[in-house]
Amino acid sequence: MTGALDGIRVLDLSRHLAGPTCAMMLGDLGAEVLKVERPGVGDETRQWGPPFVGGESAYYLCCNRNKRSLTLNLKHERGVALARDLARQSDVLIENFRVHGLDELGLGDADLRPLNPRLITCSISGFGQTGPDRHLGGYDFMIQGRGGLMSITGERDGPPLKVGVAVVDVATALFACNAVLAALFARERTGVGQRLDLALFDAEIALLANVGSSYLCSGQVPERRGNAHASIVPYQAFHASDGYLILAVGNDPQWRRFCAASGVPAWAEDPRFATNPSRVAHREVLVPLLEDLFPNRTVAEWLRLCADADVPAGPVNTLESVFSDPQALARGMWVSMPHPTAGTVHLAGTPLNLSATPAQMRLPPPLLGEHTDEILTRLLGLDEDAIADLRREGVI
């Protein structure tokens, strides 16, 4: 069965995490993805370890499956010419060079559009292609700080903290993938491609969601609240007798069921706690009561109690527990793929579940330049002598 994007070719000139993750998702959906890398060096994330598996870093492996790798020296005029030839035969180009970086190489949108009017170019940068800071570089950690996410992450009296994964990079990849899919759909109607301008900074501001909206509506700068929620109580982690669990009471019927099941039905009738607005107003009274209640049972006992009462609750798992969770296994969120140097690599699966055109794990993350000869032969018609000549000149 073919994927939803079967027949679409993506030229991936990006590196690190945001661009490669976007390209990988398109590959999971069936697109042919050609990952262009610098000869002898490749994507820097290949060296972002430990851990390493088969000579490749786990960081690189997480966002580069379903791709073919070719090496191309874009500082060499013949390398640029080959890139232009590949762009002529591609549907999507993804890049995360500094602003105007591709323009300086002769591979910018203005250079490629006359060659391939149907091409969709997706530029991912720290601050976008416009604005006073467009020329600044941007890494996830720095953007988490500047975009406000760190100001609302961490304990109330503690320092600002980043999220434990590069969430801005991943969110930007998701937005970029959405934009590419929308542009492909638009192209079906117009017959022409367009340029997409994605910025980590923009993605971070969009990620603020309800917290950003609360500030815009009230003018009040939100505080760090640790694991607590500004607008819902109880909605945080609590310590049971043997570890932490999360109680997420989203409405008043859930609260009443929790109180009844926990042996404290009077709390549901107490006017200070009966409704969510009253619980938020009296959180300083209610939360200590809950903190005294939870040590009376184990995490497993609380989870069974809440499940039986239809109250949302869950454990605070380590990754060992996550990747052995029966639900994660049933959903295919742990996949194993054959790999030319590692033998087998274990990767997180895809959350993209389509009934008629399912996502597929077709190719493991490629070795540096693994498919260079095959791509140049199949797509550009070069023979062995021509490829050998390019290799001697340092073009590939």
Protein backbone atom coordinates (compact mmCIF):
# COMPACT_ATOMS: atom_id res chain seq x y z
CA MET A 1 0.00 0.00 0.00
CA THR A 2 1.43 3.38 -0.98
CA GLY A 3 1.77 6.30 1.40
CA ALA A 4 -0.27 9.48 1.24
CA LEU A 5 2.71 11.36 -0.25
CA ASP A 6 3.84 8.65 -2.66
CA GLY A 7 5.34 10.37 -5.73
CA ILE A 8 6.39 13.50 -3.82
CA ARG A 9 10.14 14.18 -3.70
CA VAL A 10 11.66 16.26 -0.89
CA LEU A 11 15.13 17.78 -1.15
CA ASP A 12 16.25 18.13 2.47
CA LEU A 13 19.04 20.68 2.81
CA SER A 14 18.45 21.08 6.54
CA ARG A 15 20.36 19.81 9.54
CA HIS A 16 20.06 19.60 13.33
CA LEU A 17 16.45 18.88 14.46
CA ALA A 18 13.59 21.08 13.20
CA GLY A 19 14.15 20.73 9.45
CA PRO A 20 15.16 17.06 9.55
CA THR A 21 12.13 16.19 11.70
CA CYS A 22 9.80 17.92 9.23
CA ALA A 23 11.42 16.03 6.35
CA MET A 24 11.22 12.75 8.27
CA MET A 25 7.49 13.16 8.84
CA LEU A 26 7.00 13.73 5.12
CA GLY A 27 9.07 10.61 4.54
CA ASP A 28 6.96 8.63 7.00
CA LEU A 29 3.93 9.66 4.93
CA GLY A 30 5.47 8.23 1.78
CA ALA A 31 7.56 11.02 0.25
CA GLU A 32 10.99 10.27 -1.17
CA VAL A 33 13.41 12.35 0.89
CA LEU A 34 16.92 13.16 -0.34
CA LYS A 35 19.11 14.37 2.53
CA VAL A 36 21.93 16.57 1.21
CA GLU A 37 25.01 16.69 3.47
CA ARG A 38 28.51 18.10 3.38
CA PRO A 39 31.13 15.61 2.18
CA GLY A 40 33.15 14.14 5.03
CA VAL A 41 31.19 16.04 7.68
CA GLY A 42 27.47 15.59 7.25
CA ASP A 43 24.76 16.74 9.60
CA GLU A 44 26.42 17.91 12.83
CA THR A 45 23.99 15.86 14.87
CA ARG A 46 25.78 12.70 13.71
CA GLN A 47 28.37 13.67 16.35
CA TRP A 48 25.97 14.87 19.05
CA GLY A 49 26.49 12.02 21.48
CA PRO A 50 26.82 9.85 23.41
CA PRO A 51 25.13 7.52 23.02
CA PHE A 52 26.26 6.21 19.63
CA VAL A 53 24.94 3.15 17.83
CA GLY A 54 26.88 1.74 14.90
CA GLY A 55 28.88 4.97 14.73
CA GLU A 56 25.77 7.18 14.59
CA SER A 57 24.47 9.33 17.44
CA ALA A 58 21.07 8.61 18.92
CA TYR A 59 20.28 12.30 18.29
CA TYR A 60 20.82 11.90 14.55
CA LEU A 61 18.92 8.61 14.45
CA CYS A 62 15.80 10.15 16.01
CA CYS A 63 14.95 12.42 13.07
CA ASN A 64 16.40 10.96 9.88
CA ARG A 65 14.67 7.71 8.99
CA ASN A 66 12.97 7.27 5.61
CA LYS A 67 15.68 9.30 3.84
CA ARG A 68 18.47 8.73 1.37
CA SER A 69 21.75 10.56 1.98
CA LEU A 70 23.93 12.11 -0.68
CA THR A 71 26.96 14.27 -0.08
CA LEU A 72 27.24 17.51 -2.03
CA ASN A 73 29.71 20.36 -1.65
CA LEU A 74 27.57 23.47 -2.05
CA LYS A 75 30.64 25.69 -2.00
CA HIS A 76 31.73 24.17 -5.29
CA GLU A 77 30.07 25.43 -8.48
CA ARG A 78 29.52 21.89 -9.71
CA GLY A 79 27.91 20.99 -6.40
CA VAL A 80 25.55 23.94 -6.75
CA ALA A 81 24.74 22.88 -10.31
CA LEU A 82 23.86 19.37 -9.14
CA ALA A 83 21.68 20.79 -6.36
CA ARG A 84 19.84 22.92 -8.93
CA ASP A 85 19.29 19.83 -11.10
CA LEU A 86 17.86 17.96 -8.11
CA ALA A 87 15.62 20.91 -7.19
CA ARG A 88 14.31 20.91 -10.76
CA GLN A 89 13.04 17.37 -10.15
CA SER A 90 11.74 17.91 -6.60
CA ASP A 91 8.41 18.99 -5.16
CA VAL A 92 9.62 20.37 -1.84
CA LEU A 93 12.91 21.88 -0.67
CA ILE A 94 13.54 22.24 3.07
CA GLU A 95 16.44 24.36 4.33
CA ASN A 96 17.61 26.01 7.53
CA PHE A 97 20.53 28.12 6.35
CA ARG A 98 20.99 31.60 7.78
CA VAL A 99 18.73 34.16 6.10
CA HIS A 100 19.80 34.64 2.46
CA GLY A 101 22.33 31.83 2.83
CA LEU A 102 20.92 29.90 -0.12
CA ASP A 103 20.57 33.11 -2.13
CA GLU A 104 24.32 33.64 -1.81
CA LEU A 105 24.90 30.14 -3.19
CA GLY A 106 22.58 30.67 -6.14
CA LEU A 107 20.01 28.28 -4.69
CA GLY A 108 17.49 30.76 -3.35
CA ASP A 109 13.82 30.79 -4.18
CA ALA A 110 14.38 33.40 -6.92
CA ASP A 111 17.01 31.16 -8.52
CA LEU A 112 14.99 27.95 -8.38
CA ARG A 113 11.49 29.25 -9.15
CA PRO A 114 12.19 29.77 -12.89
CA LEU A 115 13.60 26.23 -13.09
CA ASN A 116 10.67 24.63 -11.27
CA PRO A 117 7.56 26.79 -10.78
CA ARG A 118 5.91 23.93 -8.87
CA LEU A 119 8.63 23.82 -6.22
CA ILE A 120 7.65 24.51 -2.61
CA THR A 121 10.57 25.94 -0.63
CA CYS A 122 10.36 25.76 3.15
CA SER A 123 12.84 27.94 5.03
CA ILE A 124 13.27 27.30 8.75
CA SER A 125 15.28 29.80 10.79
CA GLY A 126 15.54 31.20 14.28
CA PHE A 127 13.64 34.42 13.64
CA GLY A 128 12.23 34.18 10.13
CA GLN A 129 13.04 35.94 6.88
CA THR A 130 11.74 39.36 7.98
CA GLY A 131 12.02 41.60 11.02
CA PRO A 132 14.96 43.33 12.73
CA ASP A 133 16.45 40.08 14.08
CA ARG A 134 16.13 37.99 10.93
CA HIS A 135 19.91 37.64 10.63
CA LEU A 136 20.38 36.20 14.14
CA GLY A 137 20.95 32.50 14.58
CA GLY A 138 18.67 30.61 16.90
CA TYR A 139 18.92 27.39 18.88
CA ASP A 140 16.03 25.80 20.75
CA PHE A 141 17.36 26.56 24.24
CA MET A 142 17.87 30.23 23.51
CA ILE A 143 14.46 30.53 21.86
CA GLN A 144 12.79 28.88 24.88
CA GLY A 145 14.17 31.74 26.93
CA ARG A 146 13.45 34.61 24.58
CA GLY A 147 10.00 33.35 23.63
CA GLY A 148 8.78 33.20 27.23
CA LEU A 149 8.48 29.45 27.74
CA MET A 150 11.19 29.33 30.40
CA SER A 151 9.57 32.15 32.35
CA ILE A 152 6.55 29.90 33.02
CA THR A 153 8.48 26.64 33.50
CA GLY A 154 9.87 25.61 36.89
CA GLU A 155 8.89 25.94 40.53
CA ARG A 156 7.44 29.20 41.76
CA ASP A 157 10.50 30.14 43.81
CA GLY A 158 13.05 28.42 41.58
CA PRO A 159 14.98 29.54 38.49
CA PRO A 160 13.44 29.50 35.01
CA LEU A 161 13.86 26.09 33.36
CA LYS A 162 13.86 24.77 29.84
CA VAL A 163 11.67 21.85 28.82
CA GLY A 164 13.57 18.55 28.91
CA VAL A 165 13.47 18.08 25.14
CA ALA A 166 14.00 20.55 22.30
CA VAL A 167 10.30 21.25 22.18
CA VAL A 168 10.59 24.43 20.09
CA ASP A 169 12.47 22.58 17.36
CA VAL A 170 9.90 19.80 17.35
CA ALA A 171 6.97 22.24 17.35
CA THR A 172 8.54 24.17 14.47
CA ALA A 173 8.87 20.89 12.56
CA LEU A 174 5.18 20.18 13.13
CA PHE A 175 4.17 23.65 11.94
CA ALA A 176 6.49 23.34 8.95
CA CYS A 177 5.06 19.95 8.01
CA ASN A 178 1.54 21.41 8.19
CA ALA A 179 2.61 24.30 5.97
CA VAL A 180 4.19 21.97 3.42
CA LEU A 181 1.07 19.80 3.26
CA ALA A 182 -1.11 22.90 2.85
CA ALA A 183 1.17 24.19 0.08
CA LEU A 184 1.00 20.83 -1.70
CA PHE A 185 -2.80 20.95 -1.50
CA ALA A 186 -2.83 24.53 -2.82
CA ARG A 187 -0.55 23.50 -5.66
CA GLU A 188 -3.13 20.95 -6.78
CA ARG A 189 -5.46 23.88 -7.47
CA THR A 190 -3.02 26.51 -8.72
CA GLY A 191 -0.31 24.41 -10.35
CA VAL A 192 2.44 26.50 -8.75
CA GLY A 193 4.50 26.25 -5.60
CA GLN A 194 5.25 28.91 -3.02
CA ARG A 195 7.76 29.89 -0.35
CA LEU A 196 7.20 29.00 3.30
CA ASP A 197 8.82 31.05 6.06
CA LEU A 198 8.94 29.23 9.43
CA ALA A 199 10.65 30.64 12.52
CA LEU A 200 11.48 28.97 15.82
CA PHE A 201 10.61 32.23 17.59
CA ASP A 202 7.15 32.32 16.01
CA ALA A 203 6.55 28.67 16.86
CA GLU A 204 7.53 29.26 20.49
CA ILE A 205 5.08 32.16 20.82
CA ALA A 206 2.32 30.04 19.28
CA LEU A 207 3.19 27.28 21.79
CA LEU A 208 2.26 29.59 24.67
CA ALA A 209 -1.38 28.74 23.84
CA ASN A 210 -3.75 29.44 26.75
CA VAL A 211 -1.00 30.97 28.91
CA GLY A 212 -0.17 33.50 26.20
CA SER A 213 -3.86 34.17 25.70
CA SER A 214 -4.33 34.73 29.43
CA TYR A 215 -1.66 37.43 29.38
CA LEU A 216 -3.09 39.09 26.26
CA CYS A 217 -6.57 39.15 27.80
CA SER A 218 -5.62 40.20 31.33
CA GLY A 219 -2.32 42.03 31.03
CA GLN A 220 -1.08 40.02 34.01
CA VAL A 221 2.33 38.37 33.62
CA PRO A 222 1.92 34.68 34.54
CA GLU A 223 4.04 33.10 37.25
CA ARG A 224 5.90 29.83 37.27
CA ARG A 225 3.74 27.27 39.02
CA GLY A 226 5.79 24.10 38.89
CA ASN A 227 3.45 21.21 38.15
CA ALA A 228 0.33 23.15 39.10
CA HIS A 229 -2.11 24.74 36.64
CA ALA A 230 -3.09 28.39 36.74
CA SER A 231 -6.75 27.78 35.89
CA ILE A 232 -7.57 24.22 37.02
CA VAL A 233 -7.38 22.64 40.49
CA PRO A 234 -6.44 19.90 41.28
CA TYR A 235 -4.30 19.48 38.19
CA GLN A 236 -0.77 18.60 39.27
CA ALA A 237 1.56 15.92 40.57
CA PHE A 238 1.19 14.47 44.06
CA HIS A 239 3.45 12.15 46.04
CA ALA A 240 1.89 8.84 46.96
CA SER A 241 3.52 6.43 49.43
CA ASP A 242 5.98 5.13 46.82
CA GLY A 243 6.30 7.79 44.12
CA TYR A 244 4.59 10.51 42.12
CA LEU A 245 1.39 10.45 40.13
CA ILE A 246 -0.60 13.10 38.29
CA LEU A 247 -4.19 13.95 39.13
CA ALA A 248 -5.92 15.88 36.35
CA VAL A 249 -9.42 16.88 37.42
CA GLY A 250 -10.87 18.78 34.48
CA ASN A 251 -14.45 19.30 35.64
CA ASP A 252 -16.68 19.24 38.70
CA PRO A 253 -18.28 15.79 38.11
CA GLN A 254 -14.77 14.29 38.04
CA TRP A 255 -14.00 16.07 41.30
CA ARG A 256 -17.11 14.69 42.97
CA ARG A 257 -16.28 11.16 41.82
CA PHE A 258 -12.71 11.51 43.07
CA CYS A 259 -13.86 12.70 46.48
CA ALA A 260 -16.36 9.87 46.82
CA ALA A 261 -13.86 7.21 45.76
CA SER A 262 -11.17 8.64 48.06
CA GLY A 263 -13.36 8.60 51.15
CA VAL A 264 -13.65 12.38 51.46
CA PRO A 265 -17.11 13.11 49.99
CA ALA A 266 -17.48 16.19 52.18
CA TRP A 267 -14.83 17.99 50.11
CA ALA A 268 -17.13 17.91 47.09
CA GLU A 269 -19.85 19.70 49.08
CA ASP A 270 -17.57 22.24 50.72
CA PRO A 271 -18.35 25.60 49.05
CA ARG A 272 -14.62 26.35 48.93
CA PHE A 273 -14.05 23.30 46.72
CA ALA A 274 -17.36 22.53 45.01
CA THR A 275 -16.57 24.24 41.70
CA ASN A 276 -13.37 24.74 39.78
CA PRO A 277 -13.35 28.55 40.23
CA SER A 278 -13.74 28.06 43.98
CA ARG A 279 -11.00 25.41 44.03
CA VAL A 280 -8.68 27.77 42.14
CA ALA A 281 -9.48 30.55 44.63
CA HIS A 282 -8.77 28.24 47.57
CA ARG A 283 -5.90 26.18 46.15
CA GLU A 284 -3.68 27.13 49.10
CA VAL A 285 -6.15 25.30 51.36
CA LEU A 286 -7.07 22.37 49.12
CA VAL A 287 -3.65 21.34 47.82
CA PRO A 288 -2.18 20.73 51.31
CA LEU A 289 -5.20 18.56 52.11
CA LEU A 290 -4.54 16.50 48.99
CA GLU A 291 -0.83 16.32 49.80
CA ASP A 292 -1.78 14.76 53.15
CA LEU A 293 -4.22 12.36 51.48
CA PHE A 294 -2.05 10.84 48.76
CA PRO A 295 0.63 9.19 50.96
CA ASN A 296 -2.10 6.87 52.29
CA ARG A 297 -1.92 4.72 49.14
CA THR A 298 0.64 3.59 46.59
CA VAL A 299 0.77 4.97 43.08
CA ALA A 300 -0.76 1.75 41.71
CA GLU A 301 -3.58 1.89 44.24
CA TRP A 302 -4.38 5.50 43.36
CA LEU A 303 -4.33 4.74 39.66
CA ARG A 304 -6.78 1.85 40.11
CA LEU A 305 -9.03 4.01 42.29
CA CYS A 306 -9.06 6.83 39.77
CA ALA A 307 -9.60 4.51 36.81
CA ASP A 308 -12.56 2.87 38.53
CA ALA A 309 -14.00 6.32 39.28
CA ASP A 310 -13.35 7.56 35.72
CA VAL A 311 -11.02 10.29 36.94
CA PRO A 312 -7.97 11.16 34.79
CA ALA A 313 -4.74 10.18 36.52
CA GLY A 314 -1.41 8.76 35.46
CA PRO A 315 2.07 7.85 36.67
CA VAL A 316 5.22 9.92 36.26
CA ASN A 317 7.14 7.37 34.21
CA THR A 318 10.80 7.03 33.41
CA LEU A 319 11.59 6.37 29.75
CA GLU A 320 12.21 2.74 30.65
CA SER A 321 8.57 2.52 31.72
CA VAL A 322 7.36 4.53 28.72
CA PHE A 323 8.94 2.24 26.13
CA SER A 324 7.69 -0.88 27.90
CA ASP A 325 4.17 0.49 28.40
CA PRO A 326 1.65 -1.93 26.84
CA GLN A 327 -0.25 1.01 25.36
CA ALA A 328 2.88 2.41 23.69
CA LEU A 329 3.73 -1.03 22.33
CA ALA A 330 0.19 -1.59 21.07
CA ARG A 331 0.29 1.76 19.27
CA GLY A 332 3.59 0.99 17.55
CA MET A 333 5.51 3.72 19.34
CA TRP A 334 8.64 1.58 19.57
CA VAL A 335 9.97 0.34 16.24
CA SER A 336 13.10 -1.59 15.31
CA MET A 337 14.77 -1.24 11.93
CA PRO A 338 17.71 -3.00 10.29
CA HIS A 339 20.75 -0.74 9.99
CA PRO A 340 23.92 -1.25 7.91
CA THR A 341 26.40 -0.64 10.77
CA ALA A 342 24.34 -1.04 13.94
CA GLY A 343 22.56 -4.22 12.90
CA THR A 344 19.33 -2.98 14.43
CA VAL A 345 18.30 0.46 15.63
CA HIS A 346 15.39 1.14 17.98
CA LEU A 347 13.38 4.29 17.28
CA ALA A 348 10.23 5.97 18.50
CA GLY A 349 7.36 5.24 16.14
CA THR A 350 5.19 7.75 14.35
CA PRO A 351 1.97 9.16 15.84
CA LEU A 352 0.60 9.63 12.29
CA ASN A 353 -2.06 6.96 11.89
CA LEU A 354 -3.91 6.97 8.56
CA SER A 355 -6.34 4.16 7.78
CA ALA A 356 -6.03 4.02 3.98
CA THR A 357 -2.46 5.30 3.46
CA PRO A 358 -0.59 4.41 6.66
CA ALA A 359 2.80 5.82 7.53
CA GLN A 360 5.59 3.35 6.88
CA MET A 361 9.08 2.78 8.23
CA ARG A 362 10.79 2.02 4.91
CA LEU A 363 14.40 3.14 5.39
CA PRO A 364 16.65 3.40 8.46
CA PRO A 365 18.52 6.67 9.06
CA PRO A 366 21.15 6.65 6.30
CA LEU A 367 24.91 6.57 6.61
CA LEU A 368 26.68 9.70 5.38
CA GLY A 369 26.55 9.67 1.58
CA GLU A 370 25.17 6.14 1.52
CA HIS A 371 23.01 6.81 -1.54
CA THR A 372 25.11 9.39 -3.39
CA ASP A 373 25.96 7.21 -6.38
CA GLU A 374 22.48 5.75 -6.66
CA ILE A 375 20.79 9.18 -6.63
CA LEU A 376 23.17 10.76 -9.13
CA THR A 377 22.70 7.80 -11.47
CA ARG A 378 18.94 7.38 -11.12
CA LEU A 379 17.90 11.03 -11.12
CA LEU A 380 20.64 12.83 -12.99
CA GLY A 381 21.81 10.09 -15.33
CA LEU A 382 25.50 10.27 -14.36
CA ASP A 383 27.69 7.26 -15.09
CA GLU A 384 30.50 5.78 -13.00
CA ASP A 385 33.22 7.88 -14.65
CA ALA A 386 31.33 11.13 -14.10
CA ILE A 387 30.69 10.26 -10.46
CA ALA A 388 34.34 9.32 -9.96
CA ASP A 389 35.34 12.68 -11.44
CA LEU A 390 33.03 14.52 -9.03
CA ARG A 391 34.55 12.62 -6.14
CA ARG A 392 38.10 13.51 -7.22
CA GLU A 393 37.17 17.20 -7.37
CA GLY A 394 35.63 17.12 -3.88
CA VAL A 395 32.14 17.87 -5.21
CA ILE A 396 30.65 14.80 -3.52
